[in-house]
Amino acid sequence: MPTDPFNAFLDGPQVPVKNAKSGPLAGLSLGVKDIFDVAGYVSGWGNPVRAAEAGAAEVSAPAVQALLDAGARFAGKTQTEELAFSMVGQNVHFPHPVNPAAPDRITGGSSSGSAAAVAGGLADIATGSDTGGSIRAPAGFCGLIGLRTTFGAISLDGTMPLAPSFDTFGWFARDGELYEKVGHVLLPVPGRPLRRPRLLRSALLDELPFGPAELDEYGRMAGLVGERFGSARPAGTPPYSIDELYWCTRKLQAHEAWAAHGAWIESADRRLGKATFDRFAFGRTVTDQDVKDETARRTVFRRWLGDLLADDGILVLPTTPCAAPRSDSTPEEFGAFRERAIRMLCWSGLSGFPQITVPLGAVDGAPFGISLLGPAGSDLALIAKARELLESSTT
C-alpha cells in the first residue's frame, strides 16, 4: 500500500492479489472501494461491526477481476461511507479522506477514498459505485472524470447492494486516455457511437447551481461544450417537477436500502452514525402504495427522457450545485447541499442512462464539473466526448 497522506486507504494486513503481468492496464495501480470483494480481503462496507463479522472473500468481484486480468496492480481497499449511503464522504469511524485538489473541502461520498486516492496520485485507477451520485459528485469535487454507467452494463456480483434498481459500477481516473482504456476493459460492447450528437439543455437544471460564481462558471463550461459539439437546444419540460423527481428518488432508494439492510441494522447495535441511520430509517416509512406510485412515476419519466434523447441526444447539465463544500460545514449546510445535489443527480439514476462528469471548471479555486447525459448504452461514446473536451480545453 502506498504512503497515504489523504486517508484514502483502509489500514490492515496486506494480502497478495494476483494480476496479469501484461494487458492494457499493465503497470497501473488500482484502488478498490470497500464494498467490492477482493479475494483474501474482508469487505467491511465502511462499518467496523460488519468488518468484524464478515469473512474474507474467496473470489474478487467480476468487475474488479476484469481490471486485474487487464494488468492492473491492486494497491489496497479504499474508504467508503457507511454502507455507501452518503454524498459527503465523512465516515464517523475513520479519519476523513482529504480532497487533494482542495484540502479544506470534502471529497464527496460515498466513494470518498477512491476519489482521494486517484486525485492524490496514490492510485492510477480506483473503483467506486454510483447509486445516487457517488461517482459523479466525488469526481466533480476532486477534479476527476467520473461516469455513472448505464444501469446493468457492468456486473455488480460480489458487491454490497444499496438500492439494487439504482446501483451501478464506476471508476475514477485523472485523464481521458486512461479513462477510455478502462472503459474498453469493462464495457467491451461499442454501444451507441454519438458521432454527431444533438445537444440539449434543461432550464430547470441550469438554474440549480447555488450562486452567481457557480452559474457563471457553468455557463463558461457549457460554452466550451457548445464550441466543440454545436449549439444546444431546449430540452422541454419533464412530466414531473424537480421536487417530484427528488421525492421519487428518495423514497425508492430508501425503500430498497431498508429492504437490503434493515434486518441487519435492527438485529444488534451496528454503531451506525446518526445521519446514516436516519437515511436508512426513512425507508421504514415508505409504504407499498408509495413504491407503486413512485415506480409508475419513474417509468413515465424514463420514457420521456428516452424519447428526448433518442439515439443521438446528449443532455448538458451541471454535475453538482457547487464546488465541494468545506470540510467544517455545519450539518445544516451539508443538508442543503445534499438536497440540491439530489435534484440534479437524480435524472440519471431514475432513468438508468449514463452520465459523465468532466473536470473543466473551478469555483473559488476548487474543481467544478460539467456533465453529459446520454441514451442507454452510450457509455463509451460519452467517455470519448469527455476526452475530446479535455484535450480541446488544454490546446
Protein backbone atom coordinates (compact mmCIF):
# COMPACT_ATOMS: atom_id res chain seq x y z
CA MET A 1 0.00 0.00 0.00
CA PRO A 2 1.39 3.45 -0.86
CA THR A 3 2.10 6.09 1.80
CA ASP A 4 -1.28 7.70 2.39
CA PRO A 5 -1.40 11.38 3.44
CA PHE A 6 -5.03 11.64 2.27
CA ASN A 7 -6.65 8.89 4.41
CA ALA A 8 -7.76 7.24 1.19
CA PHE A 9 -6.94 3.62 2.02
CA LEU A 10 -8.00 1.35 4.86
CA ASP A 11 -5.33 0.13 7.24
CA GLY A 12 -4.92 -3.59 7.81
CA PRO A 13 -2.92 -6.65 6.84
CA GLN A 14 -2.00 -6.80 3.18
CA VAL A 15 -2.71 -9.97 1.21
CA PRO A 16 -1.14 -10.67 -2.19
CA VAL A 17 -3.66 -10.26 -5.02
CA LYS A 18 -2.83 -11.88 -8.35
CA ASN A 19 -2.97 -9.82 -11.52
CA ALA A 20 -1.94 -10.37 -15.11
CA LYS A 21 1.59 -9.25 -15.94
CA SER A 22 0.54 -7.85 -19.31
CA GLY A 23 -2.54 -6.20 -20.73
CA PRO A 24 -3.93 -2.74 -21.44
CA LEU A 25 -3.68 -1.72 -17.77
CA ALA A 26 -0.26 -3.28 -17.03
CA GLY A 27 1.85 -1.16 -14.71
CA LEU A 28 -1.12 0.80 -13.37
CA SER A 29 -2.22 0.73 -9.73
CA LEU A 30 -5.79 0.05 -8.64
CA GLY A 31 -7.68 1.09 -5.50
CA VAL A 32 -10.91 -0.79 -4.72
CA LYS A 33 -13.80 0.71 -2.77
CA ASP A 34 -14.59 -1.37 0.29
CA ILE A 35 -17.95 -2.60 -0.99
CA PHE A 36 -16.37 -4.71 -3.74
CA ASP A 37 -14.99 -8.16 -2.94
CA VAL A 38 -11.27 -8.72 -3.40
CA ALA A 39 -10.03 -12.28 -2.90
CA GLY A 40 -8.41 -12.61 0.53
CA TYR A 41 -9.89 -9.37 1.91
CA VAL A 42 -12.89 -8.63 4.09
CA SER A 43 -15.47 -6.28 2.62
CA GLY A 44 -16.29 -4.08 5.61
CA TRP A 45 -18.73 -1.75 3.85
CA GLY A 46 -17.41 1.16 5.92
CA ASN A 47 -18.70 -0.27 9.19
CA PRO A 48 -16.44 -1.89 11.84
CA VAL A 49 -19.15 -4.27 13.06
CA ARG A 50 -19.72 -5.59 9.55
CA ALA A 51 -15.95 -5.91 9.06
CA ALA A 52 -15.64 -7.94 12.28
CA GLU A 53 -18.48 -10.26 11.29
CA ALA A 54 -17.56 -10.86 7.66
CA GLY A 55 -15.10 -13.42 6.41
CA ALA A 56 -12.54 -12.81 3.72
CA ALA A 57 -13.86 -13.04 0.17
CA GLU A 58 -12.86 -16.17 -1.73
CA VAL A 59 -13.07 -14.55 -5.16
CA SER A 60 -12.97 -10.99 -6.40
CA ALA A 61 -15.99 -9.20 -7.82
CA PRO A 62 -16.10 -9.81 -11.59
CA ALA A 63 -15.53 -6.14 -12.46
CA VAL A 64 -12.52 -5.98 -10.14
CA GLN A 65 -11.20 -9.24 -11.57
CA ALA A 66 -11.53 -7.85 -15.10
CA LEU A 67 -9.25 -4.96 -14.14
CA LEU A 68 -6.73 -7.32 -12.55
CA ASP A 69 -6.85 -9.56 -15.62
CA ALA A 70 -6.12 -6.48 -17.74
CA GLY A 71 -2.87 -5.99 -15.79
CA ALA A 72 -3.86 -3.52 -13.07
CA ARG A 73 -1.98 -3.98 -9.78
CA PHE A 74 -4.04 -3.97 -6.57
CA ALA A 75 -2.97 -1.09 -4.31
CA GLY A 76 -5.45 -1.56 -1.47
CA LYS A 77 -9.02 -1.20 -0.25
CA THR A 78 -10.28 2.39 -0.16
CA GLN A 79 -12.57 4.11 2.31
CA THR A 80 -16.31 4.32 1.81
CA GLU A 81 -19.09 5.96 3.76
CA GLU A 82 -21.01 3.55 5.98
CA LEU A 83 -22.95 1.16 3.76
CA ALA A 84 -22.27 3.59 0.90
CA PHE A 85 -25.21 5.80 1.90
CA SER A 86 -23.93 9.38 1.80
CA MET A 87 -22.72 12.11 -0.54
CA VAL A 88 -20.39 13.83 1.93
CA GLY A 89 -17.57 11.32 2.45
CA GLN A 90 -17.04 11.67 6.20
CA ASN A 91 -17.30 8.25 7.86
CA VAL A 92 -17.63 8.62 11.65
CA HIS A 93 -15.43 5.54 12.21
CA PHE A 94 -12.33 6.62 10.26
CA PRO A 95 -10.18 9.70 9.64
CA HIS A 96 -11.91 11.61 6.88
CA PRO A 97 -10.37 11.41 3.41
CA VAL A 98 -8.68 14.63 2.32
CA ASN A 99 -9.51 16.19 -1.04
CA PRO A 100 -6.08 16.59 -2.71
CA ALA A 101 -7.46 19.18 -5.14
CA ALA A 102 -8.97 21.34 -2.36
CA PRO A 103 -7.71 20.19 1.06
CA ASP A 104 -10.14 22.32 3.08
CA ARG A 105 -13.12 20.77 1.29
CA ILE A 106 -14.79 17.35 1.32
CA THR A 107 -14.03 14.64 -1.21
CA GLY A 108 -17.68 13.74 -1.52
CA GLY A 109 -19.09 10.32 -0.82
CA SER A 110 -19.65 7.51 -0.73
CA SER A 111 -16.65 6.67 -2.95
CA SER A 112 -14.55 9.11 -0.92
CA GLY A 113 -11.38 7.09 -0.52
CA SER A 114 -11.22 6.09 -4.17
CA ALA A 115 -11.54 9.70 -5.33
CA ALA A 116 -8.89 10.85 -2.85
CA ALA A 117 -6.51 8.05 -3.91
CA VAL A 118 -6.69 8.95 -7.61
CA ALA A 119 -6.71 12.72 -7.16
CA GLY A 120 -3.70 12.43 -4.84
CA GLY A 121 -1.73 10.20 -7.22
CA LEU A 122 -1.80 7.19 -4.88
CA ALA A 123 -3.61 5.06 -7.47
CA ASP A 124 -3.96 5.40 -11.21
CA ILE A 125 -7.46 3.93 -11.19
CA ALA A 126 -9.95 3.35 -8.38
CA THR A 127 -13.35 1.71 -8.38
CA GLY A 128 -16.48 3.28 -6.99
CA SER A 129 -20.23 2.90 -7.14
CA ASP A 130 -22.98 5.32 -8.05
CA THR A 131 -26.43 4.86 -6.57
CA GLY A 132 -27.37 8.50 -6.06
CA GLY A 133 -24.21 10.28 -7.20
CA SER A 134 -21.23 8.61 -5.55
CA ILE A 135 -19.09 8.57 -8.68
CA ARG A 136 -20.20 11.87 -10.20
CA ALA A 137 -20.05 14.08 -7.07
CA PRO A 138 -16.60 12.95 -5.80
CA ALA A 139 -15.19 13.14 -9.32
CA GLY A 140 -16.52 16.65 -9.74
CA PHE A 141 -15.18 17.71 -6.34
CA CYS A 142 -11.71 16.24 -6.84
CA GLY A 143 -11.10 17.28 -10.46
CA LEU A 144 -11.54 13.80 -11.94
CA ILE A 145 -13.50 12.11 -14.70
CA GLY A 146 -16.38 10.03 -13.40
CA LEU A 147 -19.03 8.03 -15.26
CA ARG A 148 -22.25 6.68 -13.87
CA THR A 149 -22.60 3.74 -16.25
CA THR A 150 -25.77 2.53 -17.94
CA PHE A 151 -27.72 0.56 -15.37
CA GLY A 152 -26.84 -3.13 -15.63
CA ALA A 153 -23.95 -2.60 -18.06
CA ILE A 154 -21.30 -3.85 -15.60
CA SER A 155 -21.82 -6.77 -13.23
CA LEU A 156 -22.34 -5.99 -9.55
CA ASP A 157 -21.82 -9.57 -8.40
CA GLY A 158 -19.56 -9.57 -5.36
CA THR A 159 -20.73 -6.08 -4.41
CA MET A 160 -22.66 -4.76 -1.41
CA PRO A 161 -26.17 -3.81 -2.58
CA LEU A 162 -27.60 -0.48 -1.51
CA ALA A 163 -30.60 0.24 -3.74
CA PRO A 164 -30.43 -2.50 -6.38
CA SER A 165 -32.53 -0.76 -9.04
CA PHE A 166 -30.18 2.26 -8.83
CA ASP A 167 -26.76 0.72 -8.08
CA THR A 168 -24.07 0.98 -10.77
CA PHE A 169 -20.34 0.31 -11.04
CA GLY A 170 -17.94 3.16 -11.82
CA TRP A 171 -14.32 4.23 -11.63
CA PHE A 172 -12.07 7.27 -11.33
CA ALA A 173 -9.08 8.40 -13.39
CA ARG A 174 -7.28 11.68 -13.90
CA ASP A 175 -7.12 11.81 -17.70
CA GLY A 176 -9.31 10.90 -20.65
CA GLU A 177 -6.96 8.44 -22.30
CA LEU A 178 -6.73 6.24 -19.22
CA TYR A 179 -10.43 6.55 -18.51
CA GLU A 180 -11.14 5.30 -22.01
CA LYS A 181 -8.73 2.35 -21.59
CA VAL A 182 -10.61 1.21 -18.50
CA GLY A 183 -13.90 1.68 -20.31
CA HIS A 184 -12.80 -0.66 -23.08
CA VAL A 185 -11.91 -3.28 -20.47
CA LEU A 186 -15.20 -3.06 -18.61
CA LEU A 187 -17.54 -2.08 -21.45
CA PRO A 188 -16.42 -4.22 -24.41
CA VAL A 189 -19.55 -3.62 -26.46
CA PRO A 190 -19.14 -0.41 -28.52
CA GLY A 191 -22.72 0.73 -27.91
CA ARG A 192 -24.08 3.96 -29.41
CA PRO A 193 -21.37 5.99 -31.20
CA LEU A 194 -22.97 9.50 -30.95
CA ARG A 195 -20.75 10.69 -33.80
CA ARG A 196 -22.84 13.83 -34.34
CA PRO A 197 -24.53 14.43 -31.00
CA ARG A 198 -27.60 16.61 -30.64
CA LEU A 199 -27.01 18.76 -27.55
CA LEU A 200 -29.83 19.61 -25.17
CA ARG A 201 -30.11 21.76 -22.06
CA SER A 202 -32.82 21.93 -19.40
CA ALA A 203 -33.69 25.34 -17.96
CA LEU A 204 -34.82 23.56 -14.77
CA LEU A 205 -31.39 22.00 -14.23
CA ASP A 206 -29.42 25.02 -15.43
CA GLU A 207 -30.82 27.18 -12.63
CA LEU A 208 -29.92 24.81 -9.77
CA PRO A 209 -26.28 25.87 -9.11
CA PHE A 210 -26.15 27.76 -5.81
CA GLY A 211 -24.87 31.23 -6.69
CA PRO A 212 -23.53 33.68 -9.27
CA ALA A 213 -19.99 32.22 -9.30
CA GLU A 214 -21.32 28.71 -9.95
CA LEU A 215 -23.78 29.91 -12.58
CA ASP A 216 -21.09 31.91 -14.37
CA GLU A 217 -18.64 29.01 -14.39
CA TYR A 218 -21.27 26.56 -15.56
CA GLY A 219 -22.15 28.95 -18.38
CA ARG A 220 -18.49 29.14 -19.38
CA MET A 221 -18.13 25.35 -19.40
CA ALA A 222 -21.36 24.89 -21.33
CA GLY A 223 -19.95 27.33 -23.86
CA LEU A 224 -16.89 25.12 -24.30
CA VAL A 225 -19.14 22.12 -24.89
CA GLY A 226 -21.12 24.09 -27.45
CA GLU A 227 -17.98 25.21 -29.26
CA ARG A 228 -16.89 21.60 -29.57
CA PHE A 229 -20.17 19.86 -30.42
CA GLY A 230 -22.62 22.54 -31.56
CA SER A 231 -25.35 24.68 -30.05
CA ALA A 232 -27.73 23.14 -27.54
CA ARG A 233 -31.49 23.10 -27.97
CA PRO A 234 -34.05 23.44 -25.15
CA ALA A 235 -34.87 20.07 -23.62
CA GLY A 236 -38.50 20.86 -22.92
CA THR A 237 -40.39 20.27 -19.68
CA PRO A 238 -40.33 16.86 -17.99
CA PRO A 239 -43.61 15.25 -16.94
CA TYR A 240 -42.86 15.93 -13.27
CA SER A 241 -41.37 18.78 -11.28
CA ILE A 242 -37.83 18.75 -9.93
CA ASP A 243 -39.24 18.24 -6.43
CA GLU A 244 -41.42 15.31 -7.55
CA LEU A 245 -38.39 13.63 -9.13
CA TYR A 246 -36.41 14.27 -5.94
CA TRP A 247 -39.00 12.54 -3.77
CA CYS A 248 -39.36 9.71 -6.27
CA THR A 249 -35.63 9.09 -5.91
CA ARG A 250 -35.56 9.48 -2.13
CA LYS A 251 -38.48 7.14 -1.50
CA LEU A 252 -37.47 4.38 -3.89
CA GLN A 253 -33.82 4.38 -2.85
CA ALA A 254 -34.63 4.41 0.86
CA HIS A 255 -37.20 1.63 0.48
CA GLU A 256 -34.69 -0.56 -1.34
CA ALA A 257 -31.88 0.28 1.09
CA TRP A 258 -34.01 -0.69 4.08
CA ALA A 259 -35.06 -3.91 2.34
CA ALA A 260 -31.38 -4.73 1.75
CA HIS A 261 -30.04 -3.88 5.21
CA GLY A 262 -32.88 -3.14 7.63
CA ALA A 263 -32.96 -6.59 9.23
CA TRP A 264 -29.18 -6.49 9.83
CA ILE A 265 -29.34 -2.94 11.21
CA GLU A 266 -32.11 -3.83 13.67
CA SER A 267 -30.66 -7.17 14.80
CA ALA A 268 -27.94 -5.65 17.03
CA ASP A 269 -26.02 -2.45 17.77
CA ARG A 270 -24.29 -1.77 14.44
CA ARG A 271 -22.72 1.51 15.62
CA LEU A 272 -24.12 3.37 12.65
CA GLY A 273 -23.54 7.10 12.56
CA LYS A 274 -26.75 9.02 13.23
CA ALA A 275 -27.01 10.57 9.77
CA THR A 276 -26.55 7.19 8.10
CA PHE A 277 -29.07 5.53 10.40
CA ASP A 278 -31.62 8.26 9.73
CA ARG A 279 -31.32 7.78 5.98
CA PHE A 280 -31.92 4.04 6.34
CA ALA A 281 -34.74 4.55 8.85
CA PHE A 282 -36.59 6.78 6.41
CA GLY A 283 -37.02 3.64 4.31
CA ARG A 284 -39.23 2.16 7.03
CA THR A 285 -41.75 4.94 6.44
CA VAL A 286 -42.12 4.30 2.70
CA THR A 287 -45.35 2.39 2.12
CA ASP A 288 -46.19 -0.17 -0.53
CA GLN A 289 -48.51 2.40 -2.09
CA ASP A 290 -45.63 4.90 -2.17
CA VAL A 291 -43.50 2.37 -4.00
CA LYS A 292 -46.26 1.66 -6.51
CA ASP A 293 -46.87 5.35 -7.16
CA GLU A 294 -43.21 6.31 -7.43
CA THR A 295 -42.37 3.34 -9.65
CA ALA A 296 -45.11 4.44 -12.04
CA ARG A 297 -43.73 8.00 -11.96
CA ARG A 298 -40.23 6.68 -12.64
CA THR A 299 -41.45 4.69 -15.64
CA VAL A 300 -43.11 7.74 -17.19
CA PHE A 301 -40.01 9.89 -16.60
CA ARG A 302 -37.69 7.26 -18.08
CA ARG A 303 -39.84 7.02 -21.19
CA TRP A 304 -39.93 10.83 -21.56
CA LEU A 305 -36.14 11.16 -21.22
CA GLY A 306 -35.54 8.23 -23.56
CA ASP A 307 -37.76 9.82 -26.19
CA LEU A 308 -36.00 13.16 -25.70
CA LEU A 309 -32.51 11.70 -26.15
CA ALA A 310 -33.47 9.12 -28.80
CA ASP A 311 -30.20 7.64 -30.12
CA ASP A 312 -28.19 10.83 -30.62
CA GLY A 313 -29.05 13.23 -27.80
CA ILE A 314 -26.74 14.47 -25.06
CA LEU A 315 -28.15 16.49 -22.17
CA VAL A 316 -25.65 19.04 -20.86
CA LEU A 317 -26.06 19.83 -17.16
CA PRO A 318 -24.15 20.92 -14.05
CA THR A 319 -22.83 17.95 -12.08
CA THR A 320 -23.43 19.43 -8.63
CA PRO A 321 -24.80 22.75 -7.33
CA CYS A 322 -21.39 23.94 -6.11
CA ALA A 323 -17.76 23.04 -5.70
CA ALA A 324 -17.10 20.72 -2.78
CA PRO A 325 -18.50 22.09 0.50
CA ARG A 326 -15.91 22.95 3.12
CA SER A 327 -14.98 20.10 5.44
CA ASP A 328 -16.08 22.03 8.53
CA SER A 329 -19.55 22.84 7.17
CA THR A 330 -22.43 22.53 9.59
CA PRO A 331 -24.92 19.66 9.33
CA GLU A 332 -27.43 22.19 8.02
CA GLU A 333 -25.02 23.30 5.28
CA PHE A 334 -24.29 19.70 4.30
CA GLY A 335 -28.03 19.06 4.27
CA ALA A 336 -28.72 21.99 1.95
CA PHE A 337 -26.01 20.74 -0.40
CA ARG A 338 -27.37 17.21 -0.38
CA GLU A 339 -30.98 18.28 -1.02
CA ARG A 340 -29.98 20.39 -4.04
CA ALA A 341 -27.48 17.84 -5.36
CA ILE A 342 -30.02 15.01 -5.40
CA ARG A 343 -32.31 17.16 -7.55
CA MET A 344 -29.51 17.47 -10.10
CA LEU A 345 -28.14 13.93 -9.95
CA CYS A 346 -31.42 12.00 -9.97
CA TRP A 347 -32.16 12.16 -13.72
CA SER A 348 -29.51 9.57 -14.48
CA GLY A 349 -30.42 7.40 -11.52
CA LEU A 350 -34.15 7.32 -12.25
CA SER A 351 -33.66 6.65 -15.96
CA GLY A 352 -30.70 4.28 -15.76
CA PHE A 353 -28.99 6.29 -18.52
CA PRO A 354 -25.25 7.04 -18.33
CA GLN A 355 -23.86 10.40 -17.18
CA ILE A 356 -20.22 11.51 -17.18
CA THR A 357 -18.75 14.46 -15.30
CA VAL A 358 -15.84 16.31 -16.92
CA PRO A 359 -13.40 18.44 -14.85
CA LEU A 360 -13.50 21.61 -16.95
CA GLY A 361 -14.03 24.28 -14.31
CA ALA A 362 -13.27 25.73 -10.90
CA VAL A 363 -15.05 27.94 -8.37
CA ASP A 364 -13.04 29.72 -5.66
CA GLY A 365 -10.03 27.61 -6.61
CA ALA A 366 -11.86 24.27 -6.18
CA PRO A 367 -12.84 21.88 -9.02
CA PHE A 368 -16.31 22.23 -10.52
CA GLY A 369 -17.54 19.78 -13.15
CA ILE A 370 -19.98 19.72 -16.02
CA SER A 371 -21.91 16.63 -17.10
CA LEU A 372 -23.05 14.92 -20.27
CA LEU A 373 -26.03 12.54 -20.02
CA GLY A 374 -26.66 10.23 -22.96
CA PRO A 375 -29.01 7.43 -24.02
CA ALA A 376 -28.70 3.92 -22.61
CA GLY A 377 -25.60 2.16 -23.90
CA SER A 378 -23.74 5.35 -24.89
CA ASP A 379 -21.12 4.94 -22.14
CA LEU A 380 -18.06 4.63 -24.37
CA ALA A 381 -19.30 7.43 -26.61
CA LEU A 382 -19.66 9.72 -23.59
CA ILE A 383 -16.13 8.84 -22.46
CA ALA A 384 -14.85 9.70 -25.93
CA LYS A 385 -16.68 13.04 -25.86
CA ALA A 386 -15.28 13.80 -22.41
CA ARG A 387 -11.79 13.07 -23.66
CA GLU A 388 -12.32 15.37 -26.64
CA LEU A 389 -13.47 18.16 -24.35
CA LEU A 390 -10.49 17.80 -22.02
CA GLU A 391 -7.99 17.68 -24.86
CA SER A 392 -9.54 20.66 -26.67
CA SER A 393 -9.67 22.74 -23.47
CA THR A 394 -5.93 22.40 -22.95
CA THR A 395 -4.85 23.26 -26.51
